[in-house]
Amino acid sequence: MKTKWGRYFVLSAGGILLGAALIRFIIAEGDAQALSLPEPLVRIPLRLAVVVTGAVELTVALVCLFGKRIELQIGWLVSLATAFVIYRIGLTWTHCHPQGTCLGSLTDPLHLARGAVGGFMEFIPFYLVFGSYAACLWLWLSKGTRTARRIAPQQHADVNTL
């Protein structure tokens, strides 16, 4: 990427996902009764859904924070963002009200759903989704211009040899 915003986005997304994964693991260790209820869409125990989601977030976070290939990092982020969008559509389709924190009242002991922090928590998924898609689009467009710049001198040289 020509600009560094893509690299900064990948690193910020990695940090956010690392924090989200750690929060999910802390919540999964809790004793909230809601953790034994089924997750509304997949119908597995919520505790298991929280742990699996945390593990996926941790994996993507590590790829973002320690990976070297921006294409791979953005690909993982786009995949996670797409899964999030599909999940939200599924919740809406089944008439479940999606929570801004993705964990509902389970985060109440951490006081994450109140005030400015709560607003920030509701913004994070959209930041990751739109940022991931924007980074992917920017990568795709910049790759096309790099290819065009590489081909143009070859075509010019071919014309001169005729």
C-alpha atoms as a PDB file:
ATOM      1  CA  MET A   1       0.000   0.000   0.000  1.00  0.00           C
ATOM      2  CA  LYS A   2       1.261   3.432  -0.876  1.00  0.00           C
ATOM      3  CA  THR A   3      -0.075   5.051   2.242  1.00  0.00           C
ATOM      4  CA  LYS A   4       0.553   3.777   5.707  1.00  0.00           C
ATOM      5  CA  TRP A   5      -3.099   3.963   6.743  1.00  0.00           C
ATOM      6  CA  GLY A   6      -3.606   0.326   5.778  1.00  0.00           C
ATOM      7  CA  ARG A   7      -0.781  -0.806   8.052  1.00  0.00           C
ATOM      8  CA  TYR A   8      -2.099   1.401  10.870  1.00  0.00           C
ATOM      9  CA  PHE A   9      -5.599   0.015  10.388  1.00  0.00           C
ATOM     10  CA  VAL A  10      -4.330  -3.584  10.519  1.00  0.00           C
ATOM     11  CA  LEU A  11      -2.392  -2.884  13.720  1.00  0.00           C
ATOM     12  CA  SER A  12      -5.322  -1.083  15.358  1.00  0.00           C
ATOM     13  CA  ALA A  13      -7.689  -3.881  14.357  1.00  0.00           C
ATOM     14  CA  GLY A  14      -5.242  -6.408  15.812  1.00  0.00           C
ATOM     15  CA  GLY A  15      -5.122  -4.501  19.102  1.00  0.00           C
ATOM     16  CA  ILE A  16      -8.904  -4.209  19.252  1.00  0.00           C
ATOM     17  CA  LEU A  17      -9.358  -7.915  18.507  1.00  0.00           C
ATOM     18  CA  LEU A  18      -6.750  -8.870  21.085  1.00  0.00           C
ATOM     19  CA  GLY A  19      -8.600  -6.826  23.707  1.00  0.00           C
ATOM     20  CA  ALA A  20     -11.963  -8.266  22.649  1.00  0.00           C
ATOM     21  CA  ALA A  21     -10.615 -11.826  22.843  1.00  0.00           C
ATOM     22  CA  LEU A  22      -9.210 -11.274  26.334  1.00  0.00           C
ATOM     23  CA  ILE A  23     -12.522  -9.780  27.500  1.00  0.00           C
ATOM     24  CA  ARG A  24     -14.394 -12.776  26.069  1.00  0.00           C
ATOM     25  CA  PHE A  25     -12.101 -15.209  27.891  1.00  0.00           C
ATOM     26  CA  ILE A  26     -12.640 -13.330  31.171  1.00  0.00           C
ATOM     27  CA  ILE A  27     -16.393 -13.397  30.636  1.00  0.00           C
ATOM     28  CA  ALA A  28     -16.343 -17.112  29.764  1.00  0.00           C
ATOM     29  CA  GLU A  29     -14.649 -17.812  33.088  1.00  0.00           C
ATOM     30  CA  GLY A  30     -17.442 -16.004  34.937  1.00  0.00           C
ATOM     31  CA  ASP A  31     -20.422 -17.574  36.605  1.00  0.00           C
ATOM     32  CA  ALA A  32     -23.237 -15.694  34.865  1.00  0.00           C
ATOM     33  CA  GLN A  33     -26.253 -17.955  34.463  1.00  0.00           C
ATOM     34  CA  ALA A  34     -26.745 -16.680  30.929  1.00  0.00           C
ATOM     35  CA  LEU A  35     -23.589 -18.527  29.893  1.00  0.00           C
ATOM     36  CA  SER A  36     -25.415 -21.842  30.155  1.00  0.00           C
ATOM     37  CA  LEU A  37     -28.242 -20.683  27.895  1.00  0.00           C
ATOM     38  CA  PRO A  38     -28.097 -21.491  24.198  1.00  0.00           C
ATOM     39  CA  GLU A  39     -26.681 -18.918  21.846  1.00  0.00           C
ATOM     40  CA  PRO A  40     -29.700 -17.622  19.879  1.00  0.00           C
ATOM     41  CA  LEU A  41     -28.500 -18.350  16.346  1.00  0.00           C
ATOM     42  CA  VAL A  42     -26.219 -21.397  16.485  1.00  0.00           C
ATOM     43  CA  ARG A  43     -27.948 -22.961  19.513  1.00  0.00           C
ATOM     44  CA  ILE A  44     -24.755 -24.010  21.324  1.00  0.00           C
ATOM     45  CA  PRO A  45     -24.114 -23.037  24.958  1.00  0.00           C
ATOM     46  CA  LEU A  46     -23.287 -19.342  25.124  1.00  0.00           C
ATOM     47  CA  ARG A  47     -20.121 -20.042  27.109  1.00  0.00           C
ATOM     48  CA  LEU A  48     -18.806 -22.178  24.235  1.00  0.00           C
ATOM     49  CA  ALA A  49     -19.821 -19.525  21.683  1.00  0.00           C
ATOM     50  CA  VAL A  50     -17.958 -16.868  23.687  1.00  0.00           C
ATOM     51  CA  VAL A  51     -14.802 -19.024  23.893  1.00  0.00           C
ATOM     52  CA  VAL A  52     -14.887 -19.933  20.183  1.00  0.00           C
ATOM     53  CA  THR A  53     -15.433 -16.293  19.221  1.00  0.00           C
ATOM     54  CA  GLY A  54     -12.562 -15.259  21.488  1.00  0.00           C
ATOM     55  CA  ALA A  55     -10.292 -17.888  19.942  1.00  0.00           C
ATOM     56  CA  VAL A  56     -11.102 -16.690  16.422  1.00  0.00           C
ATOM     57  CA  GLU A  57     -10.543 -13.068  17.449  1.00  0.00           C
ATOM     58  CA  LEU A  58      -7.248 -13.996  19.098  1.00  0.00           C
ATOM     59  CA  THR A  59      -6.073 -15.814  15.974  1.00  0.00           C
ATOM     60  CA  VAL A  60      -6.904 -12.876  13.699  1.00  0.00           C
ATOM     61  CA  ALA A  61      -5.339 -10.463  16.215  1.00  0.00           C
ATOM     62  CA  LEU A  62      -2.065 -12.405  16.177  1.00  0.00           C
ATOM     63  CA  VAL A  63      -2.043 -12.471  12.372  1.00  0.00           C
ATOM     64  CA  CYS A  64      -2.617  -8.698  12.329  1.00  0.00           C
ATOM     65  CA  LEU A  65      -0.050  -7.879  14.991  1.00  0.00           C
ATOM     66  CA  PHE A  66       2.736 -10.230  13.948  1.00  0.00           C
ATOM     67  CA  GLY A  67       2.074 -11.014  10.285  1.00  0.00           C
ATOM     68  CA  LYS A  68       4.264  -9.598   7.549  1.00  0.00           C
ATOM     69  CA  ARG A  69       1.982  -9.802   4.488  1.00  0.00           C
ATOM     70  CA  ILE A  70      -0.595  -7.016   4.376  1.00  0.00           C
ATOM     71  CA  GLU A  71      -2.709  -8.940   1.838  1.00  0.00           C
ATOM     72  CA  LEU A  72      -3.025 -11.897   4.200  1.00  0.00           C
ATOM     73  CA  GLN A  73      -3.772  -9.683   7.206  1.00  0.00           C
ATOM     74  CA  ILE A  74      -6.490  -7.770   5.375  1.00  0.00           C
ATOM     75  CA  GLY A  75      -7.879 -11.045   4.035  1.00  0.00           C
ATOM     76  CA  TRP A  76      -8.280 -12.392   7.573  1.00  0.00           C
ATOM     77  CA  LEU A  77      -9.920  -9.137   8.675  1.00  0.00           C
ATOM     78  CA  VAL A  78     -12.322  -9.154   5.735  1.00  0.00           C
ATOM     79  CA  SER A  79     -13.233 -12.775   6.497  1.00  0.00           C
ATOM     80  CA  LEU A  80     -13.935 -11.946  10.137  1.00  0.00           C
ATOM     81  CA  ALA A  81     -15.883  -8.819   9.172  1.00  0.00           C
ATOM     82  CA  THR A  82     -17.968 -10.817   6.696  1.00  0.00           C
ATOM     83  CA  ALA A  83     -18.720 -13.447   9.346  1.00  0.00           C
ATOM     84  CA  PHE A  84     -19.804 -10.649  11.684  1.00  0.00           C
ATOM     85  CA  VAL A  85     -22.129  -9.168   9.045  1.00  0.00           C
ATOM     86  CA  ILE A  86     -23.630 -12.579   8.270  1.00  0.00           C
ATOM     87  CA  TYR A  87     -24.122 -13.232  11.994  1.00  0.00           C
ATOM     88  CA  ARG A  88     -25.868  -9.883  12.472  1.00  0.00           C
ATOM     89  CA  ILE A  89     -28.115 -10.581   9.484  1.00  0.00           C
ATOM     90  CA  GLY A  90     -28.923 -13.991  10.964  1.00  0.00           C
ATOM     91  CA  LEU A  91     -29.837 -12.441  14.310  1.00  0.00           C
ATOM     92  CA  THR A  92     -32.079  -9.906  12.612  1.00  0.00           C
ATOM     93  CA  TRP A  93     -33.624 -12.605  10.419  1.00  0.00           C
ATOM     94  CA  THR A  94     -34.529 -14.661  13.506  1.00  0.00           C
ATOM     95  CA  HIS A  95     -35.906 -11.556  15.270  1.00  0.00           C
ATOM     96  CA  CYS A  96     -33.179 -11.495  17.919  1.00  0.00           C
ATOM     97  CA  HIS A  97     -32.123  -8.036  19.004  1.00  0.00           C
ATOM     98  CA  PRO A  98     -28.357  -7.770  18.471  1.00  0.00           C
ATOM     99  CA  GLN A  99     -26.508  -6.212  21.380  1.00  0.00           C
ATOM    100  CA  GLY A 100     -23.963  -3.472  20.746  1.00  0.00           C
ATOM    101  CA  THR A 101     -21.325  -5.260  22.784  1.00  0.00           C
ATOM    102  CA  CYS A 102     -22.148  -8.624  21.166  1.00  0.00           C
ATOM    103  CA  LEU A 103     -22.414 -10.052  24.661  1.00  0.00           C
ATOM    104  CA  GLY A 104     -25.396  -8.190  26.069  1.00  0.00           C
ATOM    105  CA  SER A 105     -25.641  -8.064  29.850  1.00  0.00           C
ATOM    106  CA  LEU A 106     -22.630 -10.375  30.276  1.00  0.00           C
ATOM    107  CA  THR A 107     -20.370  -7.336  30.091  1.00  0.00           C
ATOM    108  CA  ASP A 108     -22.246  -5.505  32.856  1.00  0.00           C
ATOM    109  CA  PRO A 109     -19.741  -6.583  35.551  1.00  0.00           C
ATOM    110  CA  LEU A 110     -17.003  -5.004  33.443  1.00  0.00           C
ATOM    111  CA  HIS A 111     -19.084  -1.790  33.064  1.00  0.00           C
ATOM    112  CA  LEU A 112     -18.396  -1.686  29.327  1.00  0.00           C
ATOM    113  CA  ALA A 113     -21.884  -0.833  28.135  1.00  0.00           C
ATOM    114  CA  ARG A 114     -22.274   2.524  29.830  1.00  0.00           C
ATOM    115  CA  GLY A 115     -21.510   6.094  28.782  1.00  0.00           C
ATOM    116  CA  ALA A 116     -18.741   6.947  26.362  1.00  0.00           C
ATOM    117  CA  VAL A 117     -17.179   3.489  26.666  1.00  0.00           C
ATOM    118  CA  GLY A 118     -20.496   1.913  25.664  1.00  0.00           C
ATOM    119  CA  GLY A 119     -20.699   4.164  22.622  1.00  0.00           C
ATOM    120  CA  PHE A 120     -17.157   3.242  21.685  1.00  0.00           C
ATOM    121  CA  MET A 121     -17.977  -0.466  22.102  1.00  0.00           C
ATOM    122  CA  GLU A 122     -20.906  -0.103  19.706  1.00  0.00           C
ATOM    123  CA  PHE A 123     -18.682   1.672  17.159  1.00  0.00           C
ATOM    124  CA  ILE A 124     -15.905  -0.966  17.141  1.00  0.00           C
ATOM    125  CA  PRO A 125     -17.655  -3.627  15.014  1.00  0.00           C
ATOM    126  CA  PHE A 126     -18.511  -1.030  12.371  1.00  0.00           C
ATOM    127  CA  TYR A 127     -14.944   0.296  12.412  1.00  0.00           C
ATOM    128  CA  LEU A 128     -13.664  -3.231  11.792  1.00  0.00           C
ATOM    129  CA  VAL A 129     -16.210  -4.012   9.061  1.00  0.00           C
ATOM    130  CA  PHE A 130     -15.940  -0.777   7.089  1.00  0.00           C
ATOM    131  CA  GLY A 131     -12.193  -0.469   7.673  1.00  0.00           C
ATOM    132  CA  SER A 132     -11.585  -4.045   6.500  1.00  0.00           C
ATOM    133  CA  TYR A 133     -13.631  -3.606   3.341  1.00  0.00           C
ATOM    134  CA  ALA A 134     -12.031  -0.206   2.648  1.00  0.00           C
ATOM    135  CA  ALA A 135      -8.540  -1.658   3.124  1.00  0.00           C
ATOM    136  CA  CYS A 136      -9.380  -4.571   0.829  1.00  0.00           C
ATOM    137  CA  LEU A 137     -10.720  -2.219  -1.843  1.00  0.00           C
ATOM    138  CA  TRP A 138      -7.669   0.051  -1.527  1.00  0.00           C
ATOM    139  CA  LEU A 139      -5.361  -2.950  -1.795  1.00  0.00           C
ATOM    140  CA  TRP A 140      -7.189  -4.214  -4.859  1.00  0.00           C
ATOM    141  CA  LEU A 141      -7.151  -0.801  -6.559  1.00  0.00           C
ATOM    142  CA  SER A 142      -3.479  -0.176  -5.753  1.00  0.00           C
ATOM    143  CA  LYS A 143      -2.565  -3.614  -7.062  1.00  0.00           C
ATOM    144  CA  GLY A 144      -4.279  -2.775 -10.349  1.00  0.00           C
ATOM    145  CA  THR A 145      -2.343   0.472 -10.705  1.00  0.00           C
ATOM    146  CA  ARG A 146       0.945  -1.296  -9.891  1.00  0.00           C
ATOM    147  CA  THR A 147       0.213  -3.880 -12.588  1.00  0.00           C
ATOM    148  CA  ALA A 148      -0.701  -1.147 -15.075  1.00  0.00           C
ATOM    149  CA  ARG A 149       2.552   0.704 -14.343  1.00  0.00           C
ATOM    150  CA  ARG A 150       4.534  -2.490 -14.823  1.00  0.00           C
ATOM    151  CA  ILE A 151       2.826  -3.348 -18.132  1.00  0.00           C
ATOM    152  CA  ALA A 152       2.918   0.159 -19.654  1.00  0.00           C
ATOM    153  CA  PRO A 153       6.741   0.308 -20.108  1.00  0.00           C
ATOM    154  CA  GLN A 154       6.712  -3.158 -21.674  1.00  0.00           C
ATOM    155  CA  GLN A 155       4.044  -2.127 -24.192  1.00  0.00           C
ATOM    156  CA  HIS A 156       5.964   1.064 -24.967  1.00  0.00           C
ATOM    157  CA  ALA A 157       9.160  -0.944 -25.555  1.00  0.00           C
ATOM    158  CA  ASP A 158       7.269  -3.372 -27.821  1.00  0.00           C
ATOM    159  CA  VAL A 159       5.961  -0.494 -29.940  1.00  0.00           C
ATOM    160  CA  ASN A 160       9.486   0.967 -30.298  1.00  0.00           C
ATOM    161  CA  THR A 161      10.909  -2.334 -31.533  1.00  0.00           C
ATOM    162  CA  LEU A 162       8.422  -2.476 -34.433  1.00  0.00           C
END
